[in-house]
Amino acid sequence: MKKILGILIFGLLWCNISFSEEIDCDTLNECLKKNYIIKSKMTFKPHETILNIIYELTKKRDKVLIHCIVKYRLSGTTRFKGSRCYRP
């Protein structure tokens, strides 16, 4: 019984990894260069010195949705910390 349960768990893990889709860009600028358009934008401040902006991007002809998070540090001057894109 333990062997069947182990095989079932490994099979489900394999399906989760093998069927996930990868996006073709890592940063907001790369995605905009690859014909993604900004659908919506939301800002929030998780801490008083950090500002995050979440962009929701879609591809013009495909039904692809991507979220990009751009982080800024607000200490004296505003500094760009980086951006990261992922598929929800």
PDB file of N, CA and C in Angstrom:
ATOM      1  N   MET A   1       0.805  -1.186   0.000  1.00  0.00           N
ATOM      2  CA  MET A   1       0.000   0.000   0.000  1.00  0.00           C
ATOM      3  C   MET A   1       0.860   1.266   0.000  1.00  0.00           C
ATOM      4  N   LYS A   2       1.980   1.234   0.746  1.00  0.00           N
ATOM      5  CA  LYS A   2       2.870   2.380   0.794  1.00  0.00           C
ATOM      6  C   LYS A   2       3.511   2.640  -0.576  1.00  0.00           C
ATOM      7  N   LYS A   3       3.821   1.562  -1.297  1.00  0.00           N
ATOM      8  CA  LYS A   3       4.431   1.720  -2.614  1.00  0.00           C
ATOM      9  C   LYS A   3       3.459   2.369  -3.593  1.00  0.00           C
ATOM     10  N   ILE A   4       2.206   1.983  -3.538  1.00  0.00           N
ATOM     11  CA  ILE A   4       1.203   2.564  -4.443  1.00  0.00           C
ATOM     12  C   ILE A   4       1.013   4.046  -4.130  1.00  0.00           C
ATOM     13  N   LEU A   5       0.971   4.386  -2.842  1.00  0.00           N
ATOM     14  CA  LEU A   5       0.827   5.781  -2.449  1.00  0.00           C
ATOM     15  C   LEU A   5       2.045   6.597  -2.900  1.00  0.00           C
ATOM     16  N   GLY A   6       3.250   6.032  -2.748  1.00  0.00           N
ATOM     17  CA  GLY A   6       4.467   6.715  -3.189  1.00  0.00           C
ATOM     18  C   GLY A   6       4.477   6.941  -4.694  1.00  0.00           C
ATOM     19  N   ILE A   7       4.070   5.935  -5.459  1.00  0.00           N
ATOM     20  CA  ILE A   7       4.019   6.067  -6.916  1.00  0.00           C
ATOM     21  C   ILE A   7       2.996   7.122  -7.318  1.00  0.00           C
ATOM     22  N   LEU A   8       1.861   7.143  -6.643  1.00  0.00           N
ATOM     23  CA  LEU A   8       0.828   8.138  -6.938  1.00  0.00           C
ATOM     24  C   LEU A   8       1.316   9.557  -6.652  1.00  0.00           C
ATOM     25  N   ILE A   9       1.986   9.747  -5.528  1.00  0.00           N
ATOM     26  CA  ILE A   9       2.504  11.082  -5.182  1.00  0.00           C
ATOM     27  C   ILE A   9       3.562  11.526  -6.185  1.00  0.00           C
ATOM     28  N   PHE A  10       4.504  10.665  -6.522  1.00  0.00           N
ATOM     29  CA  PHE A  10       5.525  11.028  -7.502  1.00  0.00           C
ATOM     30  C   PHE A  10       4.917  11.291  -8.882  1.00  0.00           C
ATOM     31  N   GLY A  11       3.891  10.554  -9.229  1.00  0.00           N
ATOM     32  CA  GLY A  11       3.208  10.802 -10.502  1.00  0.00           C
ATOM     33  C   GLY A  11       2.545  12.160 -10.543  1.00  0.00           C
ATOM     34  N   LEU A  12       1.899  12.539  -9.448  1.00  0.00           N
ATOM     35  CA  LEU A  12       1.265  13.862  -9.395  1.00  0.00           C
ATOM     36  C   LEU A  12       2.301  14.982  -9.391  1.00  0.00           C
ATOM     37  N   LEU A  13       3.420  14.781  -8.693  1.00  0.00           N
ATOM     38  CA  LEU A  13       4.482  15.782  -8.718  1.00  0.00           C
ATOM     39  C   LEU A  13       5.055  15.929 -10.123  1.00  0.00           C
ATOM     40  N   TRP A  14       5.227  14.833 -10.837  1.00  0.00           N
ATOM     41  CA  TRP A  14       5.749  14.891 -12.201  1.00  0.00           C
ATOM     42  C   TRP A  14       4.795  15.661 -13.107  1.00  0.00           C
ATOM     43  N   CYS A  15       3.498  15.411 -12.958  1.00  0.00           N
ATOM     44  CA  CYS A  15       2.511  16.124 -13.775  1.00  0.00           C
ATOM     45  C   CYS A  15       2.526  17.615 -13.471  1.00  0.00           C
ATOM     46  N   ASN A  16       2.689  17.987 -12.225  1.00  0.00           N
ATOM     47  CA  ASN A  16       2.709  19.394 -11.856  1.00  0.00           C
ATOM     48  C   ASN A  16       3.909  20.101 -12.472  1.00  0.00           C
ATOM     49  N   ILE A  17       5.064  19.467 -12.484  1.00  0.00           N
ATOM     50  CA  ILE A  17       6.266  20.088 -13.033  1.00  0.00           C
ATOM     51  C   ILE A  17       6.251  20.061 -14.559  1.00  0.00           C
ATOM     52  N   SER A  18       5.853  18.980 -15.150  1.00  0.00           N
ATOM     53  CA  SER A  18       5.978  18.842 -16.599  1.00  0.00           C
ATOM     54  C   SER A  18       4.916  19.623 -17.367  1.00  0.00           C
ATOM     55  N   PHE A  19       3.776  19.885 -16.790  1.00  0.00           N
ATOM     56  CA  PHE A  19       2.730  20.593 -17.512  1.00  0.00           C
ATOM     57  C   PHE A  19       2.723  22.093 -17.260  1.00  0.00           C
ATOM     58  N   SER A  20       3.575  22.600 -16.368  1.00  0.00           N
ATOM     59  CA  SER A  20       3.596  24.036 -16.120  1.00  0.00           C
ATOM     60  C   SER A  20       4.236  24.753 -17.306  1.00  0.00           C
ATOM     61  N   GLU A  21       3.732  25.945 -17.602  1.00  0.00           N
ATOM     62  CA  GLU A  21       4.226  26.698 -18.748  1.00  0.00           C
ATOM     63  C   GLU A  21       5.192  27.776 -18.277  1.00  0.00           C
ATOM     64  N   GLU A  22       6.185  28.016 -19.090  1.00  0.00           N
ATOM     65  CA  GLU A  22       7.175  29.032 -18.777  1.00  0.00           C
ATOM     66  C   GLU A  22       6.835  30.307 -19.535  1.00  0.00           C
ATOM     67  N   ILE A  23       7.208  31.449 -18.966  1.00  0.00           N
ATOM     68  CA  ILE A  23       7.019  32.713 -19.669  1.00  0.00           C
ATOM     69  C   ILE A  23       8.310  33.035 -20.402  1.00  0.00           C
ATOM     70  N   ASP A  24       8.213  33.882 -21.401  1.00  0.00           N
ATOM     71  CA  ASP A  24       9.372  34.170 -22.245  1.00  0.00           C
ATOM     72  C   ASP A  24      10.086  35.463 -21.873  1.00  0.00           C
ATOM     73  N   CYS A  25       9.782  36.037 -20.697  1.00  0.00           N
ATOM     74  CA  CYS A  25      10.466  37.247 -20.252  1.00  0.00           C
ATOM     75  C   CYS A  25      10.573  37.238 -18.736  1.00  0.00           C
ATOM     76  N   ASP A  26      11.603  37.894 -18.206  1.00  0.00           N
ATOM     77  CA  ASP A  26      11.840  37.907 -16.762  1.00  0.00           C
ATOM     78  C   ASP A  26      11.551  39.257 -16.115  1.00  0.00           C
ATOM     79  N   THR A  27      11.721  40.351 -16.867  1.00  0.00           N
ATOM     80  CA  THR A  27      11.513  41.686 -16.308  1.00  0.00           C
ATOM     81  C   THR A  27      10.404  42.399 -17.073  1.00  0.00           C
ATOM     82  N   LEU A  28       9.958  43.504 -16.517  1.00  0.00           N
ATOM     83  CA  LEU A  28       8.879  44.273 -17.135  1.00  0.00           C
ATOM     84  C   LEU A  28       9.297  44.805 -18.501  1.00  0.00           C
ATOM     85  N   ASN A  29      10.510  45.313 -18.617  1.00  0.00           N
ATOM     86  CA  ASN A  29      10.962  45.852 -19.904  1.00  0.00           C
ATOM     87  C   ASN A  29      11.066  44.776 -20.980  1.00  0.00           C
ATOM     88  N   GLU A  30      11.520  43.593 -20.625  1.00  0.00           N
ATOM     89  CA  GLU A  30      11.580  42.488 -21.593  1.00  0.00           C
ATOM     90  C   GLU A  30      10.192  42.121 -22.096  1.00  0.00           C
ATOM     91  N   CYS A  31       9.218  42.077 -21.176  1.00  0.00           N
ATOM     92  CA  CYS A  31       7.851  41.721 -21.564  1.00  0.00           C
ATOM     93  C   CYS A  31       7.244  42.780 -22.478  1.00  0.00           C
ATOM     94  N   LEU A  32       7.492  44.041 -22.190  1.00  0.00           N
ATOM     95  CA  LEU A  32       6.950  45.103 -23.046  1.00  0.00           C
ATOM     96  C   LEU A  32       7.584  45.080 -24.428  1.00  0.00           C
ATOM     97  N   LYS A  33       8.843  44.683 -24.515  1.00  0.00           N
ATOM     98  CA  LYS A  33       9.508  44.558 -25.818  1.00  0.00           C
ATOM     99  C   LYS A  33       8.977  43.379 -26.621  1.00  0.00           C
ATOM    100  N   LYS A  34       8.399  42.386 -25.933  1.00  0.00           N
ATOM    101  CA  LYS A  34       7.876  41.198 -26.610  1.00  0.00           C
ATOM    102  C   LYS A  34       6.369  41.285 -26.830  1.00  0.00           C
ATOM    103  N   ASN A  35       5.857  42.491 -27.034  1.00  0.00           N
ATOM    104  CA  ASN A  35       4.464  42.783 -27.418  1.00  0.00           C
ATOM    105  C   ASN A  35       3.438  42.472 -26.333  1.00  0.00           C
ATOM    106  N   TYR A  36       3.820  42.530 -25.072  1.00  0.00           N
ATOM    107  CA  TYR A  36       2.838  42.474 -23.998  1.00  0.00           C
ATOM    108  C   TYR A  36       2.336  43.887 -23.755  1.00  0.00           C
ATOM    109  N   ILE A  37       1.081  44.020 -23.394  1.00  0.00           N
ATOM    110  CA  ILE A  37       0.524  45.340 -23.090  1.00  0.00           C
ATOM    111  C   ILE A  37       0.049  45.347 -21.635  1.00  0.00           C
ATOM    112  N   ILE A  38       0.074  46.529 -21.034  1.00  0.00           N
ATOM    113  CA  ILE A  38      -0.321  46.679 -19.634  1.00  0.00           C
ATOM    114  C   ILE A  38      -1.835  46.732 -19.560  1.00  0.00           C
ATOM    115  N   LYS A  39      -2.411  45.794 -18.835  1.00  0.00           N
ATOM    116  CA  LYS A  39      -3.857  45.726 -18.673  1.00  0.00           C
ATOM    117  C   LYS A  39      -4.300  46.526 -17.451  1.00  0.00           C
ATOM    118  N   SER A  40      -3.587  46.387 -16.344  1.00  0.00           N
ATOM    119  CA  SER A  40      -3.905  47.146 -15.139  1.00  0.00           C
ATOM    120  C   SER A  40      -2.646  47.329 -14.302  1.00  0.00           C
ATOM    121  N   LYS A  41      -2.744  48.252 -13.349  1.00  0.00           N
ATOM    122  CA  LYS A  41      -1.604  48.582 -12.498  1.00  0.00           C
ATOM    123  C   LYS A  41      -2.125  48.825 -11.086  1.00  0.00           C
ATOM    124  N   MET A  42      -1.462  48.253 -10.093  1.00  0.00           N
ATOM    125  CA  MET A  42      -1.871  48.425  -8.707  1.00  0.00           C
ATOM    126  C   MET A  42      -0.633  48.705  -7.861  1.00  0.00           C
ATOM    127  N   THR A  43      -0.723  49.662  -6.965  1.00  0.00           N
ATOM    128  CA  THR A  43       0.394  49.972  -6.086  1.00  0.00           C
ATOM    129  C   THR A  43       0.016  49.637  -4.651  1.00  0.00           C
ATOM    130  N   PHE A  44       0.997  49.205  -3.901  1.00  0.00           N
ATOM    131  CA  PHE A  44       0.794  49.010  -2.474  1.00  0.00           C
ATOM    132  C   PHE A  44       2.114  49.168  -1.746  1.00  0.00           C
ATOM    133  N   LYS A  45       2.011  49.477  -0.485  1.00  0.00           N
ATOM    134  CA  LYS A  45       3.171  49.773   0.347  1.00  0.00           C
ATOM    135  C   LYS A  45       3.195  48.806   1.533  1.00  0.00           C
ATOM    136  N   PRO A  46       3.923  47.693   1.429  1.00  0.00           N
ATOM    137  CA  PRO A  46       3.949  46.729   2.531  1.00  0.00           C
ATOM    138  C   PRO A  46       4.713  47.235   3.753  1.00  0.00           C
ATOM    139  N   HIS A  47       5.598  48.168   3.531  1.00  0.00           N
ATOM    140  CA  HIS A  47       6.403  48.752   4.604  1.00  0.00           C
ATOM    141  C   HIS A  47       6.569  50.223   4.276  1.00  0.00           C
ATOM    142  N   GLU A  48       6.892  51.032   5.266  1.00  0.00           N
ATOM    143  CA  GLU A  48       6.969  52.470   4.997  1.00  0.00           C
ATOM    144  C   GLU A  48       8.157  52.861   4.115  1.00  0.00           C
ATOM    145  N   THR A  49       9.125  51.982   3.940  1.00  0.00           N
ATOM    146  CA  THR A  49      10.267  52.292   3.077  1.00  0.00           C
ATOM    147  C   THR A  49      10.260  51.517   1.769  1.00  0.00           C
ATOM    148  N   ILE A  50       9.225  50.731   1.507  1.00  0.00           N
ATOM    149  CA  ILE A  50       9.165  49.922   0.287  1.00  0.00           C
ATOM    150  C   ILE A  50       7.857  50.216  -0.449  1.00  0.00           C
ATOM    151  N   LEU A  51       7.957  50.408  -1.760  1.00  0.00           N
ATOM    152  CA  LEU A  51       6.787  50.615  -2.612  1.00  0.00           C
ATOM    153  C   LEU A  51       6.803  49.552  -3.701  1.00  0.00           C
ATOM    154  N   ASN A  52       5.718  48.821  -3.842  1.00  0.00           N
ATOM    155  CA  ASN A  52       5.589  47.797  -4.875  1.00  0.00           C
ATOM    156  C   ASN A  52       4.515  48.206  -5.866  1.00  0.00           C
ATOM    157  N   ILE A  53       4.786  48.008  -7.135  1.00  0.00           N
ATOM    158  CA  ILE A  53       3.810  48.239  -8.191  1.00  0.00           C
ATOM    159  C   ILE A  53       3.625  46.922  -8.933  1.00  0.00           C
ATOM    160  N   ILE A  54       2.384  46.453  -9.014  1.00  0.00           N
ATOM    161  CA  ILE A  54       2.075  45.197  -9.709  1.00  0.00           C
ATOM    162  C   ILE A  54       1.406  45.538 -11.032  1.00  0.00           C
ATOM    163  N   TYR A  55       2.020  45.091 -12.121  1.00  0.00           N
ATOM    164  CA  TYR A  55       1.465  45.284 -13.461  1.00  0.00           C
ATOM    165  C   TYR A  55       0.861  43.969 -13.929  1.00  0.00           C
ATOM    166  N   GLU A  56      -0.316  44.043 -14.499  1.00  0.00           N
ATOM    167  CA  GLU A  56      -0.948  42.875 -15.109  1.00  0.00           C
ATOM    168  C   GLU A  56      -0.806  43.044 -16.617  1.00  0.00           C
ATOM    169  N   LEU A  57      -0.096  42.129 -17.256  1.00  0.00           N
ATOM    170  CA  LEU A  57       0.202  42.223 -18.683  1.00  0.00           C
ATOM    171  C   LEU A  57      -0.525  41.124 -19.452  1.00  0.00           C
ATOM    172  N   THR A  58      -0.924  41.454 -20.659  1.00  0.00           N
ATOM    173  CA  THR A  58      -1.508  40.460 -21.565  1.00  0.00           C
ATOM    174  C   THR A  58      -0.818  40.573 -22.913  1.00  0.00           C
ATOM    175  N   LYS A  59      -0.785  39.475 -23.633  1.00  0.00           N
ATOM    176  CA  LYS A  59      -0.227  39.484 -24.978  1.00  0.00           C
ATOM    177  C   LYS A  59      -1.323  39.862 -25.955  1.00  0.00           C
ATOM    178  N   LYS A  60      -0.972  40.568 -26.995  1.00  0.00           N
ATOM    179  CA  LYS A  60      -1.981  41.134 -27.897  1.00  0.00           C
ATOM    180  C   LYS A  60      -2.884  40.087 -28.531  1.00  0.00           C
ATOM    181  N   ARG A  61      -2.330  39.040 -29.075  1.00  0.00           N
ATOM    182  CA  ARG A  61      -3.154  38.064 -29.806  1.00  0.00           C
ATOM    183  C   ARG A  61      -3.415  36.789 -29.025  1.00  0.00           C
ATOM    184  N   ASP A  62      -2.548  36.462 -28.106  1.00  0.00           N
ATOM    185  CA  ASP A  62      -2.720  35.246 -27.312  1.00  0.00           C
ATOM    186  C   ASP A  62      -3.450  35.575 -26.020  1.00  0.00           C
ATOM    187  N   LYS A  63      -3.979  34.568 -25.383  1.00  0.00           N
ATOM    188  CA  LYS A  63      -4.626  34.760 -24.088  1.00  0.00           C
ATOM    189  C   LYS A  63      -3.633  34.397 -22.992  1.00  0.00           C
ATOM    190  N   VAL A  64      -2.572  35.197 -22.893  1.00  0.00           N
ATOM    191  CA  VAL A  64      -1.519  34.973 -21.915  1.00  0.00           C
ATOM    192  C   VAL A  64      -1.584  36.099 -20.894  1.00  0.00           C
ATOM    193  N   LEU A  65      -1.582  35.749 -19.618  1.00  0.00           N
ATOM    194  CA  LEU A  65      -1.633  36.722 -18.545  1.00  0.00           C
ATOM    195  C   LEU A  65      -0.368  36.590 -17.709  1.00  0.00           C
ATOM    196  N   ILE A  66       0.288  37.718 -17.442  1.00  0.00           N
ATOM    197  CA  ILE A  66       1.526  37.740 -16.672  1.00  0.00           C
ATOM    198  C   ILE A  66       1.431  38.860 -15.646  1.00  0.00           C
ATOM    199  N   HIS A  67       1.951  38.622 -14.437  1.00  0.00           N
ATOM    200  CA  HIS A  67       2.054  39.649 -13.420  1.00  0.00           C
ATOM    201  C   HIS A  67       3.521  40.014 -13.248  1.00  0.00           C
ATOM    202  N   CYS A  68       3.803  41.316 -13.226  1.00  0.00           N
ATOM    203  CA  CYS A  68       5.160  41.802 -12.986  1.00  0.00           C
ATOM    204  C   CYS A  68       5.142  42.684 -11.748  1.00  0.00           C
ATOM    205  N   ILE A  69       6.069  42.446 -10.847  1.00  0.00           N
ATOM    206  CA  ILE A  69       6.195  43.242  -9.631  1.00  0.00           C
ATOM    207  C   ILE A  69       7.456  44.082  -9.745  1.00  0.00           C
ATOM    208  N   VAL A  70       7.299  45.401  -9.591  1.00  0.00           N
ATOM    209  CA  VAL A  70       8.420  46.327  -9.613  1.00  0.00           C
ATOM    210  C   VAL A  70       8.553  46.888  -8.203  1.00  0.00           C
ATOM    211  N   LYS A  71       9.762  46.799  -7.621  1.00  0.00           N
ATOM    212  CA  LYS A  71       9.990  47.238  -6.247  1.00  0.00           C
ATOM    213  C   LYS A  71      10.871  48.477  -6.223  1.00  0.00           C
ATOM    214  N   TYR A  72      10.488  49.412  -5.350  1.00  0.00           N
ATOM    215  CA  TYR A  72      11.252  50.637  -5.133  1.00  0.00           C
ATOM    216  C   TYR A  72      11.529  50.775  -3.645  1.00  0.00           C
ATOM    217  N   ARG A  73      12.670  51.364  -3.307  1.00  0.00           N
ATOM    218  CA  ARG A  73      13.018  51.658  -1.914  1.00  0.00           C
ATOM    219  C   ARG A  73      12.904  53.158  -1.698  1.00  0.00           C
ATOM    220  N   LEU A  74      12.186  53.559  -0.666  1.00  0.00           N
ATOM    221  CA  LEU A  74      11.917  54.959  -0.391  1.00  0.00           C
ATOM    222  C   LEU A  74      12.706  55.436   0.824  1.00  0.00           C
ATOM    223  N   SER A  75      13.982  55.587   0.693  1.00  0.00           N
ATOM    224  CA  SER A  75      14.799  56.089   1.804  1.00  0.00           C
ATOM    225  C   SER A  75      15.550  57.326   1.322  1.00  0.00           C
ATOM    226  N   GLY A  76      15.040  58.503   1.630  1.00  0.00           N
ATOM    227  CA  GLY A  76      15.647  59.744   1.145  1.00  0.00           C
ATOM    228  C   GLY A  76      15.341  59.954  -0.323  1.00  0.00           C
ATOM    229  N   THR A  77      15.971  59.176  -1.169  1.00  0.00           N
ATOM    230  CA  THR A  77      15.682  59.204  -2.604  1.00  0.00           C
ATOM    231  C   THR A  77      15.045  57.869  -2.995  1.00  0.00           C
ATOM    232  N   THR A  78      14.249  57.894  -4.026  1.00  0.00           N
ATOM    233  CA  THR A  78      13.604  56.669  -4.495  1.00  0.00           C
ATOM    234  C   THR A  78      14.597  55.870  -5.324  1.00  0.00           C
ATOM    235  N   ARG A  79      14.799  54.606  -4.944  1.00  0.00           N
ATOM    236  CA  ARG A  79      15.734  53.750  -5.668  1.00  0.00           C
ATOM    237  C   ARG A  79      15.008  52.521  -6.191  1.00  0.00           C
ATOM    238  N   PHE A  80      15.334  52.167  -7.405  1.00  0.00           N
ATOM    239  CA  PHE A  80      14.773  50.977  -8.047  1.00  0.00           C
ATOM    240  C   PHE A  80      15.468  49.746  -7.483  1.00  0.00           C
ATOM    241  N   LYS A  81      14.688  48.784  -6.980  1.00  0.00           N
ATOM    242  CA  LYS A  81      15.256  47.550  -6.431  1.00  0.00           C
ATOM    243  C   LYS A  81      15.230  46.398  -7.419  1.00  0.00           C
ATOM    244  N   GLY A  82      14.285  46.412  -8.359  1.00  0.00           N
ATOM    245  CA  GLY A  82      14.229  45.330  -9.329  1.00  0.00           C
ATOM    246  C   GLY A  82      12.803  45.013  -9.730  1.00  0.00           C
ATOM    247  N   SER A  83      12.688  44.195 -10.774  1.00  0.00           N
ATOM    248  CA  SER A  83      11.374  43.746 -11.221  1.00  0.00           C
ATOM    249  C   SER A  83      11.442  42.250 -11.511  1.00  0.00           C
ATOM    250  N   ARG A  84      10.297  41.607 -11.341  1.00  0.00           N
ATOM    251  CA  ARG A  84      10.199  40.169 -11.568  1.00  0.00           C
ATOM    252  C   ARG A  84       8.838  39.861 -12.144  1.00  0.00           C
ATOM    253  N   CYS A  85       8.797  39.010 -13.148  1.00  0.00           N
ATOM    254  CA  CYS A  85       7.534  38.643 -13.778  1.00  0.00           C
ATOM    255  C   CYS A  85       7.288  37.146 -13.583  1.00  0.00           C
ATOM    256  N   TYR A  86       6.015  36.795 -13.429  1.00  0.00           N
ATOM    257  CA  TYR A  86       5.642  35.401 -13.281  1.00  0.00           C
ATOM    258  C   TYR A  86       4.247  35.189 -13.818  1.00  0.00           C
ATOM    259  N   ARG A  87       3.926  33.973 -14.069  1.00  0.00           N
ATOM    260  CA  ARG A  87       2.600  33.599 -14.557  1.00  0.00           C
ATOM    261  C   ARG A  87       1.764  33.101 -13.378  1.00  0.00           C
ATOM    262  N   PRO A  88       0.598  33.707 -13.157  1.00  0.00           N
ATOM    263  CA  PRO A  88      -0.220  33.297 -12.009  1.00  0.00           C
ATOM    264  C   PRO A  88      -0.834  31.924 -12.195  1.00  0.00           C
TER     265      PRO A  88
END
